[in-house]
């Protein structure tokens, strides 16, 4: 079994219910969720939209290969109403990013792990830091806490209800 870290997020529809449903589907299809961060709210990153995103990090124990995991999370996104239009950032009901697959480094045309933009995105680093501040990024050899402290993203990221 591999410990994988996923980032869930969306800014369309009933965001809290969609996060709940995504976690249920991950538990059923991808592997057992071991830990979950709080839900965080932040403005869209890389584009403008009417609604803010809700994001959450989950740690999952999976027997799936990286590419099987990618297919599984994309199926979950689609079932939750995700519509892909082009390569640009856009509003969505659900986005599930594979942040880490253990400490493996994977670089294929379909899949890059660790997530290549993670160190630039406070909306991913904040919830990750909540539950795994000492996790070492295998490409940068720095803890999540250190990456967050050095992150230049000026976005406000707040715990939902906090």
C-alpha atoms as a PDB file:
ATOM      1  CA  UNK A   1       0.000   0.000   0.000  1.00  0.00           C
ATOM      2  CA  UNK A   2       1.171   3.520  -0.803  1.00  0.00           C
ATOM      3  CA  UNK A   3       0.475   6.699   1.112  1.00  0.00           C
ATOM      4  CA  UNK A   4      -0.759   9.305  -1.346  1.00  0.00           C
ATOM      5  CA  UNK A   5      -1.784  12.889  -0.763  1.00  0.00           C
ATOM      6  CA  UNK A   6      -4.635  14.407  -2.744  1.00  0.00           C
ATOM      7  CA  UNK A   7      -5.950  17.954  -2.953  1.00  0.00           C
ATOM      8  CA  UNK A   8      -9.706  18.252  -3.448  1.00  0.00           C
ATOM      9  CA  UNK A   9     -11.301  21.501  -4.542  1.00  0.00           C
ATOM     10  CA  UNK A  10     -14.055  23.222  -6.419  1.00  0.00           C
ATOM     11  CA  UNK A  11     -15.910  26.497  -6.749  1.00  0.00           C
ATOM     12  CA  UNK A  12     -19.189  25.494  -8.429  1.00  0.00           C
ATOM     13  CA  UNK A  13     -22.317  23.942  -6.974  1.00  0.00           C
ATOM     14  CA  UNK A  14     -22.749  22.968  -3.324  1.00  0.00           C
ATOM     15  CA  UNK A  15     -19.035  22.989  -2.534  1.00  0.00           C
ATOM     16  CA  UNK A  16     -19.257  21.355   0.911  1.00  0.00           C
ATOM     17  CA  UNK A  17     -21.498  18.532  -0.307  1.00  0.00           C
ATOM     18  CA  UNK A  18     -19.235  17.956  -3.305  1.00  0.00           C
ATOM     19  CA  UNK A  19     -16.191  17.665  -1.021  1.00  0.00           C
ATOM     20  CA  UNK A  20     -18.100  15.192   1.173  1.00  0.00           C
ATOM     21  CA  UNK A  21     -19.114  13.147  -1.851  1.00  0.00           C
ATOM     22  CA  UNK A  22     -15.560  13.215  -3.278  1.00  0.00           C
ATOM     23  CA  UNK A  23     -14.198  11.845   0.016  1.00  0.00           C
ATOM     24  CA  UNK A  24     -16.843   9.079   0.016  1.00  0.00           C
ATOM     25  CA  UNK A  25     -15.992   8.113  -3.561  1.00  0.00           C
ATOM     26  CA  UNK A  26     -12.250   8.153  -2.872  1.00  0.00           C
ATOM     27  CA  UNK A  27     -12.821   5.819   0.103  1.00  0.00           C
ATOM     28  CA  UNK A  28     -14.885   3.492  -2.103  1.00  0.00           C
ATOM     29  CA  UNK A  29     -12.718   3.526  -5.240  1.00  0.00           C
ATOM     30  CA  UNK A  30      -9.171   4.739  -4.556  1.00  0.00           C
ATOM     31  CA  UNK A  31      -8.287   3.675  -1.018  1.00  0.00           C
ATOM     32  CA  UNK A  32      -8.855   4.348   2.643  1.00  0.00           C
ATOM     33  CA  UNK A  33      -8.651   7.992   3.742  1.00  0.00           C
ATOM     34  CA  UNK A  34      -6.310   8.117   6.735  1.00  0.00           C
ATOM     35  CA  UNK A  35      -6.426  11.848   7.456  1.00  0.00           C
ATOM     36  CA  UNK A  36      -8.238  14.950   6.231  1.00  0.00           C
ATOM     37  CA  UNK A  37      -7.399  18.618   6.674  1.00  0.00           C
ATOM     38  CA  UNK A  38      -9.929  21.275   7.514  1.00  0.00           C
ATOM     39  CA  UNK A  39     -11.737  22.829   4.552  1.00  0.00           C
ATOM     40  CA  UNK A  40     -10.130  26.063   3.358  1.00  0.00           C
ATOM     41  CA  UNK A  41     -11.529  28.874   1.239  1.00  0.00           C
ATOM     42  CA  UNK A  42      -9.532  30.923  -1.241  1.00  0.00           C
ATOM     43  CA  UNK A  43      -9.947  32.992  -4.376  1.00  0.00           C
ATOM     44  CA  UNK A  44      -9.353  31.272  -7.722  1.00  0.00           C
ATOM     45  CA  UNK A  45      -5.663  30.904  -8.595  1.00  0.00           C
ATOM     46  CA  UNK A  46      -4.600  31.860 -12.122  1.00  0.00           C
ATOM     47  CA  UNK A  47      -7.995  33.177 -13.247  1.00  0.00           C
ATOM     48  CA  UNK A  48     -10.961  35.196 -12.012  1.00  0.00           C
ATOM     49  CA  UNK A  49     -14.340  33.747 -11.096  1.00  0.00           C
ATOM     50  CA  UNK A  50     -17.437  34.696  -9.174  1.00  0.00           C
ATOM     51  CA  UNK A  51     -17.083  32.001  -6.492  1.00  0.00           C
ATOM     52  CA  UNK A  52     -14.167  31.183  -4.218  1.00  0.00           C
ATOM     53  CA  UNK A  53     -12.786  27.658  -4.020  1.00  0.00           C
ATOM     54  CA  UNK A  54     -13.181  25.253  -1.134  1.00  0.00           C
ATOM     55  CA  UNK A  55     -10.122  23.013  -0.788  1.00  0.00           C
ATOM     56  CA  UNK A  56      -9.150  20.094   1.400  1.00  0.00           C
ATOM     57  CA  UNK A  57      -6.162  17.751   1.572  1.00  0.00           C
ATOM     58  CA  UNK A  58      -6.630  14.039   2.229  1.00  0.00           C
ATOM     59  CA  UNK A  59      -4.061  11.334   2.920  1.00  0.00           C
ATOM     60  CA  UNK A  60      -5.029   8.012   1.351  1.00  0.00           C
ATOM     61  CA  UNK A  61      -3.638   4.492   1.602  1.00  0.00           C
ATOM     62  CA  UNK A  62      -3.972   2.970  -1.865  1.00  0.00           C
ATOM     63  CA  UNK A  63      -3.021  -0.155  -3.732  1.00  0.00           C
ATOM     64  CA  UNK A  64      -3.474   1.600  -7.081  1.00  0.00           C
ATOM     65  CA  UNK A  65      -0.546   2.462  -9.327  1.00  0.00           C
ATOM     66  CA  UNK A  66      -0.047   6.188 -10.018  1.00  0.00           C
ATOM     67  CA  UNK A  67      -1.742   5.958 -13.423  1.00  0.00           C
ATOM     68  CA  UNK A  68      -4.626   3.870 -12.040  1.00  0.00           C
ATOM     69  CA  UNK A  69      -5.046   6.492  -9.310  1.00  0.00           C
ATOM     70  CA  UNK A  70      -5.108   9.263 -11.926  1.00  0.00           C
ATOM     71  CA  UNK A  71      -7.813   7.442 -13.917  1.00  0.00           C
ATOM     72  CA  UNK A  72      -9.814   6.846 -10.732  1.00  0.00           C
ATOM     73  CA  UNK A  73      -9.732  10.461  -9.541  1.00  0.00           C
ATOM     74  CA  UNK A  74     -10.598  11.721 -13.030  1.00  0.00           C
ATOM     75  CA  UNK A  75     -13.606   9.386 -13.082  1.00  0.00           C
ATOM     76  CA  UNK A  76     -14.667  10.755  -9.677  1.00  0.00           C
ATOM     77  CA  UNK A  77     -14.282  14.341 -10.951  1.00  0.00           C
ATOM     78  CA  UNK A  78     -16.440  13.524 -13.974  1.00  0.00           C
ATOM     79  CA  UNK A  79     -19.135  11.857 -11.855  1.00  0.00           C
ATOM     80  CA  UNK A  80     -19.231  14.985  -9.703  1.00  0.00           C
ATOM     81  CA  UNK A  81     -19.928  17.161 -12.745  1.00  0.00           C
ATOM     82  CA  UNK A  82     -16.442  18.242 -13.811  1.00  0.00           C
ATOM     83  CA  UNK A  83     -16.386  19.628 -17.340  1.00  0.00           C
ATOM     84  CA  UNK A  84     -13.007  20.051 -19.034  1.00  0.00           C
ATOM     85  CA  UNK A  85     -12.795  22.768 -21.665  1.00  0.00           C
ATOM     86  CA  UNK A  86      -9.347  23.411 -23.059  1.00  0.00           C
ATOM     87  CA  UNK A  87      -6.112  23.757 -21.104  1.00  0.00           C
ATOM     88  CA  UNK A  88      -6.869  27.005 -19.257  1.00  0.00           C
ATOM     89  CA  UNK A  89      -7.856  27.271 -15.603  1.00  0.00           C
ATOM     90  CA  UNK A  90     -11.619  27.459 -15.162  1.00  0.00           C
ATOM     91  CA  UNK A  91     -14.343  27.132 -12.551  1.00  0.00           C
ATOM     92  CA  UNK A  92     -15.252  23.527 -11.730  1.00  0.00           C
ATOM     93  CA  UNK A  93     -17.368  21.399  -9.460  1.00  0.00           C
ATOM     94  CA  UNK A  94     -14.461  19.179  -8.449  1.00  0.00           C
ATOM     95  CA  UNK A  95     -10.753  18.997  -9.076  1.00  0.00           C
ATOM     96  CA  UNK A  96      -8.643  16.247  -7.513  1.00  0.00           C
ATOM     97  CA  UNK A  97      -4.890  16.721  -7.781  1.00  0.00           C
ATOM     98  CA  UNK A  98      -2.376  14.056  -6.850  1.00  0.00           C
ATOM     99  CA  UNK A  99       0.136  16.053  -4.803  1.00  0.00           C
ATOM    100  CA  UNK A 100       2.342  13.133  -3.738  1.00  0.00           C
ATOM    101  CA  UNK A 101       2.537   9.395  -4.369  1.00  0.00           C
ATOM    102  CA  UNK A 102       4.721   8.354  -1.470  1.00  0.00           C
ATOM    103  CA  UNK A 103       8.102   9.937  -2.086  1.00  0.00           C
ATOM    104  CA  UNK A 104       8.132   8.924  -5.751  1.00  0.00           C
ATOM    105  CA  UNK A 105       8.995  11.304  -8.563  1.00  0.00           C
ATOM    106  CA  UNK A 106       6.975  10.598 -11.705  1.00  0.00           C
ATOM    107  CA  UNK A 107       7.343  12.591 -14.903  1.00  0.00           C
ATOM    108  CA  UNK A 108       5.326  11.301 -17.846  1.00  0.00           C
ATOM    109  CA  UNK A 109       3.266  13.167 -20.448  1.00  0.00           C
ATOM    110  CA  UNK A 110       0.037  12.243 -18.591  1.00  0.00           C
ATOM    111  CA  UNK A 111       1.210  12.572 -15.003  1.00  0.00           C
ATOM    112  CA  UNK A 112       3.733  14.615 -13.032  1.00  0.00           C
ATOM    113  CA  UNK A 113       4.160  13.864  -9.315  1.00  0.00           C
ATOM    114  CA  UNK A 114       4.848  15.672  -7.046  1.00  0.00           C
ATOM    115  CA  UNK A 115       2.388  18.204  -8.403  1.00  0.00           C
ATOM    116  CA  UNK A 116       4.579  20.682 -10.333  1.00  0.00           C
ATOM    117  CA  UNK A 117       2.830  23.847  -9.054  1.00  0.00           C
ATOM    118  CA  UNK A 118       2.421  22.815  -5.399  1.00  0.00           C
ATOM    119  CA  UNK A 119       5.222  24.993  -4.009  1.00  0.00           C
ATOM    120  CA  UNK A 120       3.644  28.080  -5.641  1.00  0.00           C
ATOM    121  CA  UNK A 121       0.105  27.594  -4.318  1.00  0.00           C
ATOM    122  CA  UNK A 122      -0.859  28.659  -0.819  1.00  0.00           C
ATOM    123  CA  UNK A 123      -4.323  27.124  -1.234  1.00  0.00           C
ATOM    124  CA  UNK A 124      -2.625  23.706  -1.419  1.00  0.00           C
ATOM    125  CA  UNK A 125       0.196  24.328   1.053  1.00  0.00           C
ATOM    126  CA  UNK A 126      -2.004  25.656   3.897  1.00  0.00           C
ATOM    127  CA  UNK A 127      -4.192  22.536   4.291  1.00  0.00           C
ATOM    128  CA  UNK A 128      -1.189  20.289   3.652  1.00  0.00           C
ATOM    129  CA  UNK A 129       0.762  22.103   6.355  1.00  0.00           C
ATOM    130  CA  UNK A 130      -2.116  21.623   8.797  1.00  0.00           C
ATOM    131  CA  UNK A 131      -1.808  17.831   8.735  1.00  0.00           C
ATOM    132  CA  UNK A 132       1.723  17.133   7.401  1.00  0.00           C
ATOM    133  CA  UNK A 133       4.012  20.107   8.152  1.00  0.00           C
ATOM    134  CA  UNK A 134       7.103  17.890   8.271  1.00  0.00           C
ATOM    135  CA  UNK A 135       6.437  15.983   5.013  1.00  0.00           C
ATOM    136  CA  UNK A 136       9.520  16.357   2.809  1.00  0.00           C
ATOM    137  CA  UNK A 137       9.007  17.332  -0.820  1.00  0.00           C
ATOM    138  CA  UNK A 138      11.175  14.856  -2.780  1.00  0.00           C
ATOM    139  CA  UNK A 139      12.122  17.343  -5.524  1.00  0.00           C
ATOM    140  CA  UNK A 140      13.009  20.277  -3.282  1.00  0.00           C
ATOM    141  CA  UNK A 141      14.131  18.377  -0.163  1.00  0.00           C
ATOM    142  CA  UNK A 142      12.202  20.845   2.025  1.00  0.00           C
ATOM    143  CA  UNK A 143       9.359  20.319   4.473  1.00  0.00           C
ATOM    144  CA  UNK A 144       5.851  21.501   3.643  1.00  0.00           C
ATOM    145  CA  UNK A 145       6.190  24.043   6.472  1.00  0.00           C
ATOM    146  CA  UNK A 146       9.327  25.465   4.865  1.00  0.00           C
ATOM    147  CA  UNK A 147       7.722  25.575   1.415  1.00  0.00           C
ATOM    148  CA  UNK A 148       4.768  27.464   2.894  1.00  0.00           C
ATOM    149  CA  UNK A 149       7.046  29.966   4.656  1.00  0.00           C
ATOM    150  CA  UNK A 150       8.912  30.572   1.378  1.00  0.00           C
ATOM    151  CA  UNK A 151       5.800  30.657  -0.840  1.00  0.00           C
ATOM    152  CA  UNK A 152       5.428  33.955  -2.682  1.00  0.00           C
ATOM    153  CA  UNK A 153       1.706  33.492  -3.371  1.00  0.00           C
ATOM    154  CA  UNK A 154      -0.015  36.551  -1.793  1.00  0.00           C
ATOM    155  CA  UNK A 155      -3.463  34.896  -1.759  1.00  0.00           C
ATOM    156  CA  UNK A 156      -5.543  34.828   1.408  1.00  0.00           C
ATOM    157  CA  UNK A 157      -6.373  31.276   2.427  1.00  0.00           C
ATOM    158  CA  UNK A 158      -8.645  30.820   5.416  1.00  0.00           C
ATOM    159  CA  UNK A 159     -10.132  27.875   7.268  1.00  0.00           C
ATOM    160  CA  UNK A 160     -13.822  27.638   6.502  1.00  0.00           C
ATOM    161  CA  UNK A 161     -15.762  28.868   9.504  1.00  0.00           C
ATOM    162  CA  UNK A 162     -12.524  30.028  11.097  1.00  0.00           C
END
